Amino acid sequence: MELELHDIRISAVKKALKKAKQYRSLLEPEIAESICLDVLNVDPNNQGVMIVYILALLDQISRTENQTQIKTIEHTIEKLSSQYQRYYYTGLLSERRARHLLTQAMSYSFAYDYFIEALESYQQAIDRCPEKNDEAILRWNSCIRTIEKEKLKPRRDSEDLMVDMES
């Protein structure tokens, strides 16, 4: 028996997308990711599947922030045809990275920077927002509330620390 992947039928794409969404909701993002890869193998420009794929990868950031995974997410975001979506999902990537850092004691101070990156992307998305779509505003507000709740502040750069030490 050879261990090789099988291609799904193009007629199965719609059902596969539904399954990928279902596995995400069951908190099994690795399976959702695999399904999305199967679909993208036969339908590489499927925007809906790209979004679920991005979300499945983002779901896994809380487990480990892998740089290869980050690059894969960024590369997939670049393939989205909507400028709004590119900004929105870039913001979501930064926000997820920030929230992951909040769980890491030694990285807590870096979370603010990622929240600011997220806010910048969300603002770009808000400026291009389709009518009756306030998802970027909702994410923006969530980031602001988290910054306030966690009392996050900009990091002091090493130059600032050196000035303080010399004073």
N, C-alpha and C. Protein backbone atom coordinates (compact mmCIF):
# COMPACT_ATOMS: atom_id res chain seq x y z
N MET A 1 0.84 -1.18 0.00
CA MET A 1 0.00 0.00 0.00
C MET A 1 0.89 1.25 0.00
N GLU A 2 0.66 2.10 -0.98
CA GLU A 2 1.42 3.36 -1.05
C GLU A 2 0.71 4.43 -0.24
N LEU A 3 1.49 5.21 0.47
CA LEU A 3 0.94 6.30 1.26
C LEU A 3 0.98 7.57 0.43
N GLU A 4 -0.09 7.81 -0.30
CA GLU A 4 -0.17 9.02 -1.09
C GLU A 4 -1.58 9.61 -0.99
N LEU A 5 -1.64 10.90 -1.17
CA LEU A 5 -2.91 11.61 -1.07
C LEU A 5 -3.79 11.33 -2.28
N HIS A 6 -5.09 11.34 -2.05
CA HIS A 6 -6.06 11.21 -3.13
C HIS A 6 -6.68 12.58 -3.39
N ASP A 7 -6.96 12.88 -4.64
CA ASP A 7 -7.66 14.12 -4.98
C ASP A 7 -9.15 13.93 -4.76
N ILE A 8 -9.79 14.97 -4.22
CA ILE A 8 -11.24 14.92 -4.12
C ILE A 8 -11.83 15.36 -5.45
N ARG A 9 -13.08 15.03 -5.65
CA ARG A 9 -13.76 15.46 -6.89
C ARG A 9 -14.17 16.92 -6.74
N ILE A 10 -14.11 17.65 -7.82
CA ILE A 10 -14.50 19.06 -7.82
C ILE A 10 -15.96 19.20 -7.39
N SER A 11 -16.78 18.20 -7.69
CA SER A 11 -18.19 18.23 -7.30
C SER A 11 -18.36 18.08 -5.78
N ALA A 12 -17.31 17.68 -5.07
CA ALA A 12 -17.38 17.50 -3.62
C ALA A 12 -16.91 18.72 -2.84
N VAL A 13 -16.49 19.76 -3.54
CA VAL A 13 -15.90 20.94 -2.89
C VAL A 13 -16.88 21.58 -1.90
N LYS A 14 -18.11 21.76 -2.30
CA LYS A 14 -19.09 22.43 -1.43
C LYS A 14 -19.30 21.66 -0.12
N LYS A 15 -19.43 20.35 -0.22
CA LYS A 15 -19.60 19.52 0.98
C LYS A 15 -18.33 19.52 1.84
N ALA A 16 -17.18 19.52 1.18
CA ALA A 16 -15.92 19.54 1.91
C ALA A 16 -15.77 20.84 2.70
N LEU A 17 -16.16 21.96 2.10
CA LEU A 17 -16.10 23.24 2.80
C LEU A 17 -17.00 23.21 4.03
N LYS A 18 -18.17 22.64 3.89
CA LYS A 18 -19.09 22.52 5.02
C LYS A 18 -18.47 21.67 6.13
N LYS A 19 -17.80 20.60 5.75
CA LYS A 19 -17.12 19.73 6.73
C LYS A 19 -15.99 20.48 7.43
N ALA A 20 -15.22 21.25 6.66
CA ALA A 20 -14.11 22.00 7.26
C ALA A 20 -14.64 22.98 8.31
N LYS A 21 -15.73 23.65 7.99
CA LYS A 21 -16.34 24.57 8.96
C LYS A 21 -16.82 23.81 10.20
N GLN A 22 -17.37 22.64 9.98
CA GLN A 22 -17.85 21.81 11.09
C GLN A 22 -16.69 21.40 11.99
N TYR A 23 -15.58 20.98 11.41
CA TYR A 23 -14.44 20.59 12.23
C TYR A 23 -13.85 21.77 12.99
N ARG A 24 -13.88 22.95 12.41
CA ARG A 24 -13.44 24.13 13.15
C ARG A 24 -14.32 24.34 14.36
N SER A 25 -15.63 24.21 14.18
CA SER A 25 -16.55 24.42 15.31
C SER A 25 -16.41 23.32 16.36
N LEU A 26 -15.89 22.17 15.97
CA LEU A 26 -15.64 21.08 16.92
C LEU A 26 -14.26 21.19 17.57
N LEU A 27 -13.59 22.31 17.32
CA LEU A 27 -12.25 22.59 17.85
C LEU A 27 -11.23 21.56 17.37
N GLU A 28 -11.35 21.19 16.10
CA GLU A 28 -10.39 20.29 15.46
C GLU A 28 -9.81 20.98 14.21
N PRO A 29 -9.05 22.07 14.44
CA PRO A 29 -8.57 22.86 13.31
C PRO A 29 -7.60 22.11 12.39
N GLU A 30 -6.89 21.12 12.92
CA GLU A 30 -5.96 20.37 12.07
C GLU A 30 -6.72 19.60 10.98
N ILE A 31 -7.88 19.06 11.33
CA ILE A 31 -8.68 18.34 10.35
C ILE A 31 -9.30 19.33 9.36
N ALA A 32 -9.76 20.47 9.86
CA ALA A 32 -10.29 21.51 8.96
C ALA A 32 -9.20 21.96 8.00
N GLU A 33 -7.99 22.14 8.50
CA GLU A 33 -6.85 22.54 7.66
C GLU A 33 -6.62 21.50 6.56
N SER A 34 -6.62 20.23 6.92
CA SER A 34 -6.39 19.16 5.96
C SER A 34 -7.46 19.15 4.86
N ILE A 35 -8.71 19.32 5.26
CA ILE A 35 -9.81 19.36 4.29
C ILE A 35 -9.62 20.54 3.33
N CYS A 36 -9.26 21.69 3.89
CA CYS A 36 -9.04 22.88 3.05
C CYS A 36 -7.90 22.65 2.06
N LEU A 37 -6.84 21.99 2.49
CA LEU A 37 -5.74 21.68 1.59
C LEU A 37 -6.20 20.76 0.46
N ASP A 38 -7.07 19.80 0.78
CA ASP A 38 -7.62 18.92 -0.25
C ASP A 38 -8.42 19.72 -1.28
N VAL A 39 -9.22 20.66 -0.79
CA VAL A 39 -10.02 21.47 -1.71
C VAL A 39 -9.12 22.39 -2.54
N LEU A 40 -8.17 23.04 -1.88
CA LEU A 40 -7.29 23.96 -2.60
C LEU A 40 -6.41 23.25 -3.63
N ASN A 41 -6.21 21.96 -3.42
CA ASN A 41 -5.45 21.18 -4.39
C ASN A 41 -6.21 21.05 -5.72
N VAL A 42 -7.54 20.98 -5.65
CA VAL A 42 -8.33 20.84 -6.89
C VAL A 42 -8.98 22.16 -7.31
N ASP A 43 -9.08 23.11 -6.39
CA ASP A 43 -9.71 24.42 -6.67
C ASP A 43 -8.88 25.51 -5.98
N PRO A 44 -7.68 25.79 -6.50
CA PRO A 44 -6.72 26.65 -5.80
C PRO A 44 -7.14 28.10 -5.58
N ASN A 45 -8.14 28.58 -6.27
CA ASN A 45 -8.56 29.97 -6.10
C ASN A 45 -9.88 30.11 -5.36
N ASN A 46 -10.30 29.06 -4.69
CA ASN A 46 -11.58 29.09 -3.96
C ASN A 46 -11.43 30.00 -2.74
N GLN A 47 -12.03 31.19 -2.83
CA GLN A 47 -11.89 32.21 -1.79
C GLN A 47 -12.50 31.77 -0.45
N GLY A 48 -13.65 31.12 -0.51
CA GLY A 48 -14.29 30.66 0.72
C GLY A 48 -13.44 29.65 1.46
N VAL A 49 -12.82 28.75 0.73
CA VAL A 49 -11.95 27.74 1.35
C VAL A 49 -10.68 28.40 1.89
N MET A 50 -10.15 29.39 1.17
CA MET A 50 -8.97 30.09 1.67
C MET A 50 -9.25 30.73 3.02
N ILE A 51 -10.43 31.30 3.18
CA ILE A 51 -10.78 31.93 4.45
C ILE A 51 -10.86 30.90 5.57
N VAL A 52 -11.53 29.78 5.30
CA VAL A 52 -11.62 28.74 6.33
C VAL A 52 -10.23 28.18 6.65
N TYR A 53 -9.39 28.06 5.63
CA TYR A 53 -8.01 27.60 5.81
C TYR A 53 -7.24 28.57 6.72
N ILE A 54 -7.35 29.86 6.43
CA ILE A 54 -6.70 30.87 7.26
C ILE A 54 -7.19 30.76 8.70
N LEU A 55 -8.50 30.65 8.87
CA LEU A 55 -9.06 30.56 10.22
C LEU A 55 -8.61 29.28 10.94
N ALA A 56 -8.54 28.17 10.22
CA ALA A 56 -8.08 26.92 10.83
C ALA A 56 -6.63 27.05 11.29
N LEU A 57 -5.81 27.70 10.49
CA LEU A 57 -4.42 27.93 10.90
C LEU A 57 -4.35 28.89 12.09
N LEU A 58 -5.18 29.93 12.06
CA LEU A 58 -5.21 30.88 13.18
C LEU A 58 -5.67 30.20 14.47
N ASP A 59 -6.58 29.25 14.34
CA ASP A 59 -7.05 28.51 15.52
C ASP A 59 -5.91 27.77 16.20
N GLN A 60 -4.89 27.44 15.45
CA GLN A 60 -3.78 26.66 15.99
C GLN A 60 -2.68 27.53 16.59
N ILE A 61 -2.75 28.84 16.39
CA ILE A 61 -1.72 29.75 16.92
C ILE A 61 -1.68 29.68 18.45
N SER A 62 -2.83 29.51 19.07
CA SER A 62 -2.85 29.48 20.53
C SER A 62 -2.09 28.28 21.09
N ARG A 63 -1.89 27.27 20.26
CA ARG A 63 -1.15 26.08 20.71
C ARG A 63 0.35 26.28 20.54
N THR A 64 0.72 26.90 19.46
CA THR A 64 2.14 27.16 19.21
C THR A 64 2.24 28.22 18.12
N GLU A 65 3.07 29.20 18.35
CA GLU A 65 3.26 30.23 17.33
C GLU A 65 4.46 29.84 16.48
N ASN A 66 4.17 29.11 15.43
CA ASN A 66 5.17 28.56 14.53
C ASN A 66 5.40 29.55 13.38
N GLN A 67 6.63 29.95 13.14
CA GLN A 67 6.93 30.95 12.10
C GLN A 67 6.56 30.47 10.70
N THR A 68 6.72 29.16 10.45
CA THR A 68 6.32 28.62 9.15
C THR A 68 4.82 28.76 8.97
N GLN A 69 4.07 28.50 10.03
CA GLN A 69 2.62 28.64 9.99
C GLN A 69 2.23 30.10 9.75
N ILE A 70 2.91 31.02 10.40
CA ILE A 70 2.64 32.45 10.21
C ILE A 70 2.86 32.83 8.75
N LYS A 71 3.96 32.37 8.16
CA LYS A 71 4.26 32.67 6.75
C LYS A 71 3.19 32.07 5.84
N THR A 72 2.71 30.88 6.16
CA THR A 72 1.65 30.24 5.36
C THR A 72 0.38 31.07 5.43
N ILE A 73 0.04 31.55 6.61
CA ILE A 73 -1.15 32.39 6.77
C ILE A 73 -0.98 33.67 5.96
N GLU A 74 0.16 34.33 6.09
CA GLU A 74 0.40 35.58 5.35
C GLU A 74 0.33 35.35 3.84
N HIS A 75 0.91 34.26 3.38
CA HIS A 75 0.89 33.95 1.95
C HIS A 75 -0.54 33.72 1.46
N THR A 76 -1.34 33.04 2.26
CA THR A 76 -2.73 32.77 1.87
C THR A 76 -3.55 34.06 1.89
N ILE A 77 -3.31 34.91 2.87
CA ILE A 77 -4.01 36.21 2.94
C ILE A 77 -3.73 37.02 1.67
N GLU A 78 -2.50 36.98 1.20
CA GLU A 78 -2.13 37.72 -0.02
C GLU A 78 -2.93 37.26 -1.24
N LYS A 79 -3.38 36.01 -1.22
CA LYS A 79 -4.14 35.45 -2.35
C LYS A 79 -5.61 35.84 -2.35
N LEU A 80 -6.08 36.42 -1.24
CA LEU A 80 -7.49 36.83 -1.20
C LEU A 80 -7.72 37.95 -2.20
N SER A 81 -8.82 37.87 -2.92
CA SER A 81 -9.07 38.85 -3.98
C SER A 81 -9.61 40.18 -3.46
N SER A 82 -10.19 40.18 -2.28
CA SER A 82 -10.76 41.39 -1.71
C SER A 82 -9.74 42.13 -0.85
N GLN A 83 -9.51 43.39 -1.15
CA GLN A 83 -8.60 44.22 -0.34
C GLN A 83 -9.11 44.30 1.09
N TYR A 84 -10.42 44.45 1.24
CA TYR A 84 -11.02 44.46 2.58
C TYR A 84 -10.62 43.20 3.35
N GLN A 85 -10.79 42.03 2.74
CA GLN A 85 -10.48 40.78 3.42
C GLN A 85 -8.99 40.66 3.74
N ARG A 86 -8.15 41.14 2.84
CA ARG A 86 -6.71 41.09 3.12
C ARG A 86 -6.38 41.89 4.38
N TYR A 87 -6.96 43.08 4.50
CA TYR A 87 -6.73 43.87 5.71
C TYR A 87 -7.36 43.22 6.94
N TYR A 88 -8.57 42.74 6.79
CA TYR A 88 -9.29 42.13 7.92
C TYR A 88 -8.52 40.92 8.47
N TYR A 89 -8.12 40.01 7.59
CA TYR A 89 -7.44 38.80 8.06
C TYR A 89 -6.01 39.06 8.50
N THR A 90 -5.38 40.10 7.97
CA THR A 90 -4.08 40.52 8.49
C THR A 90 -4.25 41.02 9.91
N GLY A 91 -5.31 41.80 10.14
CA GLY A 91 -5.61 42.26 11.49
C GLY A 91 -5.89 41.10 12.43
N LEU A 92 -6.63 40.13 11.94
CA LEU A 92 -6.96 38.96 12.76
C LEU A 92 -5.70 38.18 13.12
N LEU A 93 -4.77 38.06 12.18
CA LEU A 93 -3.51 37.39 12.47
C LEU A 93 -2.76 38.12 13.59
N SER A 94 -2.63 39.42 13.48
CA SER A 94 -1.94 40.20 14.52
C SER A 94 -2.66 40.10 15.85
N GLU A 95 -3.98 40.16 15.81
CA GLU A 95 -4.74 40.06 17.06
C GLU A 95 -4.54 38.70 17.72
N ARG A 96 -4.60 37.62 16.93
CA ARG A 96 -4.41 36.28 17.50
C ARG A 96 -3.01 36.13 18.08
N ARG A 97 -2.03 36.71 17.41
CA ARG A 97 -0.67 36.66 17.95
C ARG A 97 -0.60 37.41 19.28
N ALA A 98 -1.26 38.56 19.34
CA ALA A 98 -1.28 39.35 20.58
C ALA A 98 -1.95 38.56 21.70
N ARG A 99 -3.07 37.96 21.40
CA ARG A 99 -3.78 37.20 22.44
C ARG A 99 -2.98 35.98 22.89
N HIS A 100 -2.25 35.38 21.96
CA HIS A 100 -1.37 34.26 22.33
C HIS A 100 -0.29 34.76 23.29
N LEU A 101 0.29 35.93 22.99
CA LEU A 101 1.35 36.47 23.85
C LEU A 101 0.84 36.80 25.25
N LEU A 102 -0.44 37.13 25.37
CA LEU A 102 -0.99 37.41 26.70
C LEU A 102 -0.96 36.18 27.61
N THR A 103 -0.86 35.01 27.01
CA THR A 103 -0.81 33.78 27.80
C THR A 103 0.62 33.38 28.15
N GLN A 104 1.59 34.10 27.60
CA GLN A 104 3.01 33.79 27.81
C GLN A 104 3.63 34.84 28.72
N ALA A 105 4.01 34.43 29.91
CA ALA A 105 4.50 35.39 30.91
C ALA A 105 5.65 36.26 30.39
N MET A 106 6.62 35.68 29.76
CA MET A 106 7.80 36.44 29.33
C MET A 106 7.51 37.26 28.07
N SER A 107 6.41 37.02 27.39
CA SER A 107 6.09 37.72 26.14
C SER A 107 4.96 38.73 26.29
N TYR A 108 4.43 38.86 27.46
CA TYR A 108 3.27 39.71 27.72
C TYR A 108 3.48 41.13 27.20
N SER A 109 4.67 41.65 27.40
CA SER A 109 4.93 43.05 27.02
C SER A 109 4.91 43.27 25.50
N PHE A 110 5.04 42.21 24.72
CA PHE A 110 5.02 42.34 23.27
C PHE A 110 3.61 42.33 22.70
N ALA A 111 2.64 41.94 23.50
CA ALA A 111 1.25 41.85 23.03
C ALA A 111 0.73 43.20 22.54
N TYR A 112 1.09 44.26 23.23
CA TYR A 112 0.63 45.60 22.84
C TYR A 112 0.97 45.89 21.38
N ASP A 113 2.19 45.59 20.98
CA ASP A 113 2.64 45.87 19.61
C ASP A 113 1.77 45.15 18.58
N TYR A 114 1.45 43.89 18.85
CA TYR A 114 0.60 43.15 17.93
C TYR A 114 -0.83 43.68 17.92
N PHE A 115 -1.32 44.11 19.08
CA PHE A 115 -2.66 44.72 19.10
C PHE A 115 -2.67 46.01 18.25
N ILE A 116 -1.61 46.79 18.32
CA ILE A 116 -1.53 48.01 17.52
C ILE A 116 -1.49 47.66 16.03
N GLU A 117 -0.72 46.63 15.66
CA GLU A 117 -0.72 46.17 14.27
C GLU A 117 -2.12 45.76 13.84
N ALA A 118 -2.80 45.04 14.71
CA ALA A 118 -4.17 44.60 14.40
C ALA A 118 -5.07 45.80 14.19
N LEU A 119 -4.98 46.78 15.07
CA LEU A 119 -5.81 47.98 14.95
C LEU A 119 -5.54 48.72 13.64
N GLU A 120 -4.28 48.80 13.25
CA GLU A 120 -3.94 49.47 11.98
C GLU A 120 -4.59 48.74 10.80
N SER A 121 -4.53 47.42 10.82
CA SER A 121 -5.15 46.63 9.73
C SER A 121 -6.66 46.74 9.77
N TYR A 122 -7.23 46.67 10.98
CA TYR A 122 -8.69 46.79 11.10
C TYR A 122 -9.16 48.16 10.62
N GLN A 123 -8.38 49.22 10.89
CA GLN A 123 -8.77 50.54 10.41
C GLN A 123 -8.80 50.57 8.89
N GLN A 124 -7.80 49.95 8.27
CA GLN A 124 -7.79 49.86 6.81
C GLN A 124 -9.01 49.07 6.31
N ALA A 125 -9.36 48.01 7.02
CA ALA A 125 -10.54 47.22 6.65
C ALA A 125 -11.82 48.05 6.82
N ILE A 126 -11.92 48.77 7.93
CA ILE A 126 -13.09 49.61 8.19
C ILE A 126 -13.27 50.62 7.06
N ASP A 127 -12.16 51.19 6.61
CA ASP A 127 -12.21 52.18 5.53
C ASP A 127 -12.71 51.59 4.21
N ARG A 128 -12.62 50.26 4.08
CA ARG A 128 -13.04 49.58 2.85
C ARG A 128 -14.21 48.63 3.09
N CYS A 129 -14.84 48.78 4.22
CA CYS A 129 -15.87 47.85 4.67
C CYS A 129 -17.09 47.80 3.75
N PRO A 130 -17.49 46.58 3.37
CA PRO A 130 -18.74 46.45 2.60
C PRO A 130 -19.91 46.92 3.46
N GLU A 131 -20.93 47.41 2.82
CA GLU A 131 -22.10 47.89 3.54
C GLU A 131 -22.69 46.79 4.42
N LYS A 132 -23.14 47.18 5.59
CA LYS A 132 -23.76 46.27 6.56
C LYS A 132 -22.81 45.18 7.05
N ASN A 133 -21.51 45.46 7.06
CA ASN A 133 -20.53 44.51 7.56
C ASN A 133 -19.65 45.24 8.56
N ASP A 134 -19.91 45.01 9.82
CA ASP A 134 -19.17 45.70 10.88
C ASP A 134 -18.19 44.79 11.61
N GLU A 135 -17.80 43.66 11.00
CA GLU A 135 -16.93 42.72 11.70
C GLU A 135 -15.58 43.35 12.07
N ALA A 136 -15.03 44.20 11.23
CA ALA A 136 -13.76 44.85 11.56
C ALA A 136 -13.93 45.81 12.74
N ILE A 137 -15.07 46.47 12.81
CA ILE A 137 -15.35 47.36 13.95
C ILE A 137 -15.47 46.55 15.24
N LEU A 138 -16.13 45.41 15.17
CA LEU A 138 -16.26 44.56 16.35
C LEU A 138 -14.90 44.07 16.84
N ARG A 139 -14.02 43.70 15.90
CA ARG A 139 -12.67 43.25 16.27
C ARG A 139 -11.88 44.43 16.85
N TRP A 140 -11.99 45.60 16.21
CA TRP A 140 -11.32 46.81 16.70
C TRP A 140 -11.69 47.05 18.17
N ASN A 141 -12.99 47.07 18.43
CA ASN A 141 -13.47 47.34 19.80
C ASN A 141 -12.97 46.30 20.78
N SER A 142 -12.93 45.04 20.37
CA SER A 142 -12.43 43.97 21.23
C SER A 142 -10.96 44.19 21.57
N CYS A 143 -10.17 44.59 20.60
CA CYS A 143 -8.75 44.88 20.86
C CYS A 143 -8.59 46.03 21.84
N ILE A 144 -9.34 47.10 21.62
CA ILE A 144 -9.26 48.26 22.53
C ILE A 144 -9.62 47.84 23.95
N ARG A 145 -10.70 47.09 24.09
CA ARG A 145 -11.11 46.65 25.44
C ARG A 145 -10.05 45.78 26.10
N THR A 146 -9.41 44.92 25.32
CA THR A 146 -8.37 44.06 25.88
C THR A 146 -7.16 44.88 26.30
N ILE A 147 -6.75 45.84 25.48
CA ILE A 147 -5.63 46.72 25.84
C ILE A 147 -5.94 47.43 27.16
N GLU A 148 -7.16 47.94 27.28
CA GLU A 148 -7.55 48.64 28.51
C GLU A 148 -7.64 47.70 29.70
N LYS A 149 -8.28 46.57 29.51
CA LYS A 149 -8.46 45.60 30.60
C LYS A 149 -7.12 45.09 31.13
N GLU A 150 -6.21 44.79 30.19
CA GLU A 150 -4.90 44.25 30.58
C GLU A 150 -3.89 45.35 30.91
N LYS A 151 -4.33 46.61 30.76
CA LYS A 151 -3.47 47.77 31.04
C LYS A 151 -2.15 47.69 30.24
N LEU A 152 -2.30 47.34 28.96
CA LEU A 152 -1.12 47.20 28.10
C LEU A 152 -0.59 48.57 27.72
N LYS A 153 0.69 48.67 27.65
CA LYS A 153 1.37 49.91 27.28
C LYS A 153 2.46 49.57 26.26
N PRO A 154 2.91 50.58 25.51
CA PRO A 154 4.02 50.33 24.59
C PRO A 154 5.25 49.88 25.37
N ARG A 155 6.03 49.01 24.76
CA ARG A 155 7.27 48.55 25.39
C ARG A 155 8.26 49.69 25.44
N ARG A 156 9.05 49.67 26.44
CA ARG A 156 10.15 50.64 26.51
C ARG A 156 11.30 50.05 25.74
N ASP A 157 11.77 50.77 24.75
CA ASP A 157 12.90 50.29 23.95
C ASP A 157 14.17 50.30 24.78
N SER A 158 15.15 49.56 24.31
CA SER A 158 16.42 49.48 25.03
C SER A 158 17.08 50.86 25.14
N GLU A 159 16.86 51.73 24.14
CA GLU A 159 17.43 53.08 24.23
C GLU A 159 16.83 53.83 25.41
N ASP A 160 15.53 53.69 25.63
CA ASP A 160 14.88 54.35 26.76
C ASP A 160 15.45 53.81 28.06
N LEU A 161 15.70 52.52 28.12
CA LEU A 161 16.25 51.92 29.33
C LEU A 161 17.66 52.45 29.60
N MET A 162 18.44 52.62 28.54
CA MET A 162 19.80 53.12 28.70
C MET A 162 19.79 54.56 29.22
N VAL A 163 18.89 55.39 28.72
CA VAL A 163 18.77 56.77 29.18
C VAL A 163 18.42 56.79 30.66
N ASP A 164 17.45 55.93 31.06
CA ASP A 164 17.06 55.85 32.46
C ASP A 164 18.22 55.42 33.34
N MET A 165 19.01 54.49 32.86
CA MET A 165 20.13 53.98 33.65
C MET A 165 21.21 55.05 33.81
N GLU A 166 21.36 55.90 32.78
CA GLU A 166 22.38 56.95 32.84
C GLU A 166 21.94 58.11 33.70
N SER A 167 20.66 58.26 33.94
CA SER A 167 20.16 59.41 34.71
C SER A 167 20.43 59.27 36.18
